[in-house]
């Protein structure tokens, strides 16, 4: 499985899952969802580490296979 970049993760989350960019600080982008208190922080790196990628999906409550299909 190819681990996506931070930009790919951000684009997929905003396009398919209803997350919006809330702020950017340095090399990290914070995403929020409209009617939820959830906040995701995604590092803007050329390739995310597997643990970071899986933690983002877990916090967003998205299955890995479903997310990979939408990349």
PDB file of N, CA and C in Angstrom:
ATOM      1  N   UNK A   1       0.842  -1.173   0.000  1.00  0.00           N
ATOM      2  CA  UNK A   1       0.000   0.000   0.000  1.00  0.00           C
ATOM      3  C   UNK A   1       0.889   1.239   0.000  1.00  0.00           C
ATOM      4  N   UNK A   2       0.655   2.123  -0.931  1.00  0.00           N
ATOM      5  CA  UNK A   2       1.390   3.384  -0.988  1.00  0.00           C
ATOM      6  C   UNK A   2       0.776   4.351   0.025  1.00  0.00           C
ATOM      7  N   UNK A   3       1.617   4.915   0.847  1.00  0.00           N
ATOM      8  CA  UNK A   3       1.149   5.896   1.818  1.00  0.00           C
ATOM      9  C   UNK A   3       1.050   7.249   1.114  1.00  0.00           C
ATOM     10  N   UNK A   4      -0.097   7.925   1.192  1.00  0.00           N
ATOM     11  CA  UNK A   4      -0.256   9.195   0.484  1.00  0.00           C
ATOM     12  C   UNK A   4       0.486  10.343   1.168  1.00  0.00           C
ATOM     13  N   UNK A   5       0.630  11.425   0.444  1.00  0.00           N
ATOM     14  CA  UNK A   5       1.237  12.637   1.012  1.00  0.00           C
ATOM     15  C   UNK A   5       0.181  13.372   1.838  1.00  0.00           C
ATOM     16  N   UNK A   6       0.624  14.331   2.604  1.00  0.00           N
ATOM     17  CA  UNK A   6      -0.307  15.131   3.395  1.00  0.00           C
ATOM     18  C   UNK A   6      -1.287  15.891   2.525  1.00  0.00           C
ATOM     19  N   UNK A   7      -0.803  16.419   1.406  1.00  0.00           N
ATOM     20  CA  UNK A   7      -1.676  17.156   0.478  1.00  0.00           C
ATOM     21  C   UNK A   7      -2.759  16.247  -0.089  1.00  0.00           C
ATOM     22  N   UNK A   8      -2.408  15.018  -0.459  1.00  0.00           N
ATOM     23  CA  UNK A   8      -3.392  14.064  -0.983  1.00  0.00           C
ATOM     24  C   UNK A   8      -4.458  13.750   0.062  1.00  0.00           C
ATOM     25  N   UNK A   9      -4.041  13.590   1.303  1.00  0.00           N
ATOM     26  CA  UNK A   9      -4.990  13.305   2.387  1.00  0.00           C
ATOM     27  C   UNK A   9      -5.926  14.491   2.579  1.00  0.00           C
ATOM     28  N   UNK A  10      -5.392  15.693   2.590  1.00  0.00           N
ATOM     29  CA  UNK A  10      -6.215  16.899   2.774  1.00  0.00           C
ATOM     30  C   UNK A  10      -7.216  17.048   1.631  1.00  0.00           C
ATOM     31  N   UNK A  11      -6.760  16.869   0.397  1.00  0.00           N
ATOM     32  CA  UNK A  11      -7.652  16.989  -0.761  1.00  0.00           C
ATOM     33  C   UNK A  11      -8.783  15.962  -0.699  1.00  0.00           C
ATOM     34  N   UNK A  12      -8.470  14.726  -0.338  1.00  0.00           N
ATOM     35  CA  UNK A  12      -9.487  13.675  -0.269  1.00  0.00           C
ATOM     36  C   UNK A  12     -10.473  13.942   0.856  1.00  0.00           C
ATOM     37  N   UNK A  13      -9.989  14.361   2.011  1.00  0.00           N
ATOM     38  CA  UNK A  13     -10.879  14.648   3.139  1.00  0.00           C
ATOM     39  C   UNK A  13     -11.819  15.812   2.828  1.00  0.00           C
ATOM     40  N   UNK A  14     -11.323  16.849   2.160  1.00  0.00           N
ATOM     41  CA  UNK A  14     -12.172  18.001   1.860  1.00  0.00           C
ATOM     42  C   UNK A  14     -13.144  17.709   0.714  1.00  0.00           C
ATOM     43  N   UNK A  15     -12.715  16.929  -0.251  1.00  0.00           N
ATOM     44  CA  UNK A  15     -13.560  16.660  -1.420  1.00  0.00           C
ATOM     45  C   UNK A  15     -14.648  15.621  -1.144  1.00  0.00           C
ATOM     46  N   UNK A  16     -14.320  14.559  -0.410  1.00  0.00           N
ATOM     47  CA  UNK A  16     -15.238  13.434  -0.264  1.00  0.00           C
ATOM     48  C   UNK A  16     -15.862  13.279   1.121  1.00  0.00           C
ATOM     49  N   UNK A  17     -15.307  13.898   2.140  1.00  0.00           N
ATOM     50  CA  UNK A  17     -15.769  13.610   3.499  1.00  0.00           C
ATOM     51  C   UNK A  17     -16.277  14.827   4.268  1.00  0.00           C
ATOM     52  N   UNK A  18     -16.366  15.977   3.648  1.00  0.00           N
ATOM     53  CA  UNK A  18     -16.976  17.135   4.278  1.00  0.00           C
ATOM     54  C   UNK A  18     -16.103  17.919   5.246  1.00  0.00           C
ATOM     55  N   UNK A  19     -14.811  17.665   5.266  1.00  0.00           N
ATOM     56  CA  UNK A  19     -13.903  18.431   6.121  1.00  0.00           C
ATOM     57  C   UNK A  19     -13.536  19.722   5.400  1.00  0.00           C
ATOM     58  N   UNK A  20     -13.290  20.794   6.163  1.00  0.00           N
ATOM     59  CA  UNK A  20     -12.867  22.069   5.588  1.00  0.00           C
ATOM     60  C   UNK A  20     -11.580  22.522   6.273  1.00  0.00           C
ATOM     61  N   UNK A  21     -10.746  23.210   5.534  1.00  0.00           N
ATOM     62  CA  UNK A  21      -9.496  23.715   6.090  1.00  0.00           C
ATOM     63  C   UNK A  21      -9.825  24.844   7.049  1.00  0.00           C
ATOM     64  N   UNK A  22      -9.361  24.710   8.271  1.00  0.00           N
ATOM     65  CA  UNK A  22      -9.622  25.710   9.301  1.00  0.00           C
ATOM     66  C   UNK A  22      -8.440  26.660   9.451  1.00  0.00           C
ATOM     67  N   UNK A  23      -7.232  26.106   9.505  1.00  0.00           N
ATOM     68  CA  UNK A  23      -6.051  26.958   9.631  1.00  0.00           C
ATOM     69  C   UNK A  23      -4.817  26.205   9.176  1.00  0.00           C
ATOM     70  N   UNK A  24      -3.742  26.958   9.042  1.00  0.00           N
ATOM     71  CA  UNK A  24      -2.456  26.362   8.685  1.00  0.00           C
ATOM     72  C   UNK A  24      -1.383  27.034   9.523  1.00  0.00           C
ATOM     73  N   UNK A  25      -0.552  26.208  10.146  1.00  0.00           N
ATOM     74  CA  UNK A  25       0.548  26.726  10.950  1.00  0.00           C
ATOM     75  C   UNK A  25       1.798  25.957  10.559  1.00  0.00           C
ATOM     76  N   UNK A  26       2.690  26.624   9.856  1.00  0.00           N
ATOM     77  CA  UNK A  26       3.916  25.962   9.422  1.00  0.00           C
ATOM     78  C   UNK A  26       3.605  24.840   8.445  1.00  0.00           C
ATOM     79  N   UNK A  27       4.021  23.630   8.799  1.00  0.00           N
ATOM     80  CA  UNK A  27       3.815  22.487   7.902  1.00  0.00           C
ATOM     81  C   UNK A  27       2.640  21.618   8.335  1.00  0.00           C
ATOM     82  N   UNK A  28       1.680  22.178   9.068  1.00  0.00           N
ATOM     83  CA  UNK A  28       0.508  21.425   9.504  1.00  0.00           C
ATOM     84  C   UNK A  28      -0.768  22.188   9.148  1.00  0.00           C
ATOM     85  N   UNK A  29      -1.761  21.444   8.669  1.00  0.00           N
ATOM     86  CA  UNK A  29      -3.061  22.018   8.328  1.00  0.00           C
ATOM     87  C   UNK A  29      -4.093  21.427   9.282  1.00  0.00           C
ATOM     88  N   UNK A  30      -4.941  22.303   9.826  1.00  0.00           N
ATOM     89  CA  UNK A  30      -6.007  21.869  10.725  1.00  0.00           C
ATOM     90  C   UNK A  30      -7.312  21.863   9.949  1.00  0.00           C
ATOM     91  N   UNK A  31      -8.037  20.741  10.041  1.00  0.00           N
ATOM     92  CA  UNK A  31      -9.317  20.577   9.359  1.00  0.00           C
ATOM     93  C   UNK A  31     -10.420  20.459  10.399  1.00  0.00           C
ATOM     94  N   UNK A  32     -11.602  21.001  10.064  1.00  0.00           N
ATOM     95  CA  UNK A  32     -12.769  20.888  10.937  1.00  0.00           C
ATOM     96  C   UNK A  32     -13.938  20.388  10.106  1.00  0.00           C
ATOM     97  N   UNK A  33     -14.922  19.844  10.796  1.00  0.00           N
ATOM     98  CA  UNK A  33     -16.159  19.431  10.159  1.00  0.00           C
ATOM     99  C   UNK A  33     -17.264  20.366  10.649  1.00  0.00           C
ATOM    100  N   UNK A  34     -18.193  20.693   9.786  1.00  0.00           N
ATOM    101  CA  UNK A  34     -19.215  21.696  10.066  1.00  0.00           C
ATOM    102  C   UNK A  34     -19.916  21.528  11.419  1.00  0.00           C
ATOM    103  N   UNK A  35     -20.640  20.455  11.610  1.00  0.00           N
ATOM    104  CA  UNK A  35     -21.477  20.303  12.794  1.00  0.00           C
ATOM    105  C   UNK A  35     -20.854  19.412  13.855  1.00  0.00           C
ATOM    106  N   UNK A  36     -19.557  19.293  13.860  1.00  0.00           N
ATOM    107  CA  UNK A  36     -18.873  18.445  14.827  1.00  0.00           C
ATOM    108  C   UNK A  36     -17.775  19.239  15.518  1.00  0.00           C
ATOM    109  N   UNK A  37     -17.388  18.766  16.670  1.00  0.00           N
ATOM    110  CA  UNK A  37     -16.299  19.399  17.412  1.00  0.00           C
ATOM    111  C   UNK A  37     -14.954  18.790  17.029  1.00  0.00           C
ATOM    112  N   UNK A  38     -14.954  17.810  16.149  1.00  0.00           N
ATOM    113  CA  UNK A  38     -13.719  17.130  15.767  1.00  0.00           C
ATOM    114  C   UNK A  38     -12.778  18.044  15.008  1.00  0.00           C
ATOM    115  N   UNK A  39     -11.500  17.899  15.308  1.00  0.00           N
ATOM    116  CA  UNK A  39     -10.448  18.632  14.611  1.00  0.00           C
ATOM    117  C   UNK A  39      -9.382  17.631  14.200  1.00  0.00           C
ATOM    118  N   UNK A  40      -8.937  17.716  12.962  1.00  0.00           N
ATOM    119  CA  UNK A  40      -7.846  16.877  12.470  1.00  0.00           C
ATOM    120  C   UNK A  40      -6.654  17.767  12.145  1.00  0.00           C
ATOM    121  N   UNK A  41      -5.487  17.323  12.519  1.00  0.00           N
ATOM    122  CA  UNK A  41      -4.267  18.019  12.135  1.00  0.00           C
ATOM    123  C   UNK A  41      -3.487  17.105  11.204  1.00  0.00           C
ATOM    124  N   UNK A  42      -3.224  17.586  10.001  1.00  0.00           N
ATOM    125  CA  UNK A  42      -2.534  16.797   8.986  1.00  0.00           C
ATOM    126  C   UNK A  42      -1.215  17.473   8.647  1.00  0.00           C
ATOM    127  N   UNK A  43      -0.099  16.758   8.819  1.00  0.00           N
ATOM    128  CA  UNK A  43       1.182  17.339   8.415  1.00  0.00           C
ATOM    129  C   UNK A  43       1.300  17.370   6.895  1.00  0.00           C
ATOM    130  N   UNK A  44       1.839  18.439   6.365  1.00  0.00           N
ATOM    131  CA  UNK A  44       1.995  18.578   4.914  1.00  0.00           C
ATOM    132  C   UNK A  44       3.402  18.092   4.568  1.00  0.00           C
ATOM    133  N   UNK A  45       3.552  16.785   4.519  1.00  0.00           N
ATOM    134  CA  UNK A  45       4.823  16.154   4.178  1.00  0.00           C
ATOM    135  C   UNK A  45       4.663  15.406   2.860  1.00  0.00           C
ATOM    136  N   UNK A  46       5.786  15.132   2.199  1.00  0.00           N
ATOM    137  CA  UNK A  46       5.716  14.451   0.900  1.00  0.00           C
ATOM    138  C   UNK A  46       5.189  13.027   1.039  1.00  0.00           C
ATOM    139  N   UNK A  47       5.436  12.381   2.172  1.00  0.00           N
ATOM    140  CA  UNK A  47       4.854  11.068   2.450  1.00  0.00           C
ATOM    141  C   UNK A  47       4.673  10.958   3.953  1.00  0.00           C
ATOM    142  N   UNK A  48       3.437  10.644   4.359  1.00  0.00           N
ATOM    143  CA  UNK A  48       3.155  10.497   5.776  1.00  0.00           C
ATOM    144  C   UNK A  48       3.695   9.165   6.286  1.00  0.00           C
ATOM    145  N   UNK A  49       3.997   9.106   7.549  1.00  0.00           N
ATOM    146  CA  UNK A  49       4.358   7.835   8.162  1.00  0.00           C
ATOM    147  C   UNK A  49       3.079   7.021   8.311  1.00  0.00           C
ATOM    148  N   UNK A  50       3.200   5.700   8.269  1.00  0.00           N
ATOM    149  CA  UNK A  50       2.029   4.823   8.320  1.00  0.00           C
ATOM    150  C   UNK A  50       1.205   5.059   9.584  1.00  0.00           C
ATOM    151  N   UNK A  51       1.870   5.233  10.718  1.00  0.00           N
ATOM    152  CA  UNK A  51       1.155   5.454  11.971  1.00  0.00           C
ATOM    153  C   UNK A  51       0.384   6.763  11.976  1.00  0.00           C
ATOM    154  N   UNK A  52       0.974   7.799  11.416  1.00  0.00           N
ATOM    155  CA  UNK A  52       0.307   9.099  11.321  1.00  0.00           C
ATOM    156  C   UNK A  52      -0.909   9.003  10.412  1.00  0.00           C
ATOM    157  N   UNK A  53      -0.742   8.354   9.276  1.00  0.00           N
ATOM    158  CA  UNK A  53      -1.839   8.185   8.322  1.00  0.00           C
ATOM    159  C   UNK A  53      -2.997   7.423   8.952  1.00  0.00           C
ATOM    160  N   UNK A  54      -2.706   6.317   9.617  1.00  0.00           N
ATOM    161  CA  UNK A  54      -3.757   5.506  10.234  1.00  0.00           C
ATOM    162  C   UNK A  54      -4.422   6.246  11.396  1.00  0.00           C
ATOM    163  N   UNK A  55      -3.665   7.049  12.134  1.00  0.00           N
ATOM    164  CA  UNK A  55      -4.235   7.828  13.232  1.00  0.00           C
ATOM    165  C   UNK A  55      -5.213   8.880  12.704  1.00  0.00           C
ATOM    166  N   UNK A  56      -4.876   9.502  11.585  1.00  0.00           N
ATOM    167  CA  UNK A  56      -5.775  10.490  10.970  1.00  0.00           C
ATOM    168  C   UNK A  56      -7.076   9.816  10.550  1.00  0.00           C
ATOM    169  N   UNK A  57      -6.975   8.659   9.911  1.00  0.00           N
ATOM    170  CA  UNK A  57      -8.179   7.934   9.484  1.00  0.00           C
ATOM    171  C   UNK A  57      -9.011   7.493  10.679  1.00  0.00           C
ATOM    172  N   UNK A  58      -8.356   7.027  11.734  1.00  0.00           N
ATOM    173  CA  UNK A  58      -9.063   6.571  12.927  1.00  0.00           C
ATOM    174  C   UNK A  58      -9.828   7.737  13.572  1.00  0.00           C
ATOM    175  N   UNK A  59      -9.183   8.881  13.687  1.00  0.00           N
ATOM    176  CA  UNK A  59      -9.834  10.043  14.290  1.00  0.00           C
ATOM    177  C   UNK A  59     -10.990  10.551  13.419  1.00  0.00           C
ATOM    178  N   UNK A  60     -10.840  10.427  12.100  1.00  0.00           N
ATOM    179  CA  UNK A  60     -11.892  10.858  11.175  1.00  0.00           C
ATOM    180  C   UNK A  60     -12.994   9.808  11.024  1.00  0.00           C
ATOM    181  N   UNK A  61     -12.764   8.628  11.618  1.00  0.00           N
ATOM    182  CA  UNK A  61     -13.704   7.499  11.544  1.00  0.00           C
ATOM    183  C   UNK A  61     -13.952   7.064  10.103  1.00  0.00           C
ATOM    184  N   UNK A  62     -12.850   6.825   9.388  1.00  0.00           N
ATOM    185  CA  UNK A  62     -12.892   6.389   7.997  1.00  0.00           C
ATOM    186  C   UNK A  62     -12.092   5.094   7.880  1.00  0.00           C
ATOM    187  N   UNK A  63     -12.656   4.115   7.181  1.00  0.00           N
ATOM    188  CA  UNK A  63     -11.960   2.854   6.937  1.00  0.00           C
ATOM    189  C   UNK A  63     -10.848   3.072   5.915  1.00  0.00           C
ATOM    190  N   UNK A  64      -9.731   2.403   6.122  1.00  0.00           N
ATOM    191  CA  UNK A  64      -8.557   2.571   5.256  1.00  0.00           C
ATOM    192  C   UNK A  64      -8.866   2.225   3.805  1.00  0.00           C
ATOM    193  N   UNK A  65      -9.532   1.088   3.577  1.00  0.00           N
ATOM    194  CA  UNK A  65      -9.817   0.649   2.206  1.00  0.00           C
ATOM    195  C   UNK A  65     -10.720   1.634   1.487  1.00  0.00           C
ATOM    196  N   UNK A  66     -11.714   2.166   2.198  1.00  0.00           N
ATOM    197  CA  UNK A  66     -12.632   3.135   1.614  1.00  0.00           C
ATOM    198  C   UNK A  66     -11.881   4.408   1.227  1.00  0.00           C
ATOM    199  N   UNK A  67     -10.979   4.848   2.081  1.00  0.00           N
ATOM    200  CA  UNK A  67     -10.221   6.066   1.824  1.00  0.00           C
ATOM    201  C   UNK A  67      -9.302   5.877   0.621  1.00  0.00           C
ATOM    202  N   UNK A  68      -8.612   4.745   0.562  1.00  0.00           N
ATOM    203  CA  UNK A  68      -7.669   4.453  -0.528  1.00  0.00           C
ATOM    204  C   UNK A  68      -8.408   4.454  -1.879  1.00  0.00           C
ATOM    205  N   UNK A  69      -9.641   3.936  -1.921  1.00  0.00           N
ATOM    206  CA  UNK A  69     -10.413   3.923  -3.162  1.00  0.00           C
ATOM    207  C   UNK A  69     -10.677   5.328  -3.670  1.00  0.00           C
ATOM    208  N   UNK A  70     -10.809   6.289  -2.769  1.00  0.00           N
ATOM    209  CA  UNK A  70     -11.170   7.659  -3.149  1.00  0.00           C
ATOM    210  C   UNK A  70      -9.968   8.547  -3.444  1.00  0.00           C
ATOM    211  N   UNK A  71      -8.768   8.043  -3.231  1.00  0.00           N
ATOM    212  CA  UNK A  71      -7.570   8.848  -3.519  1.00  0.00           C
ATOM    213  C   UNK A  71      -7.461   9.186  -4.991  1.00  0.00           C
TER     214      UNK A  71
END
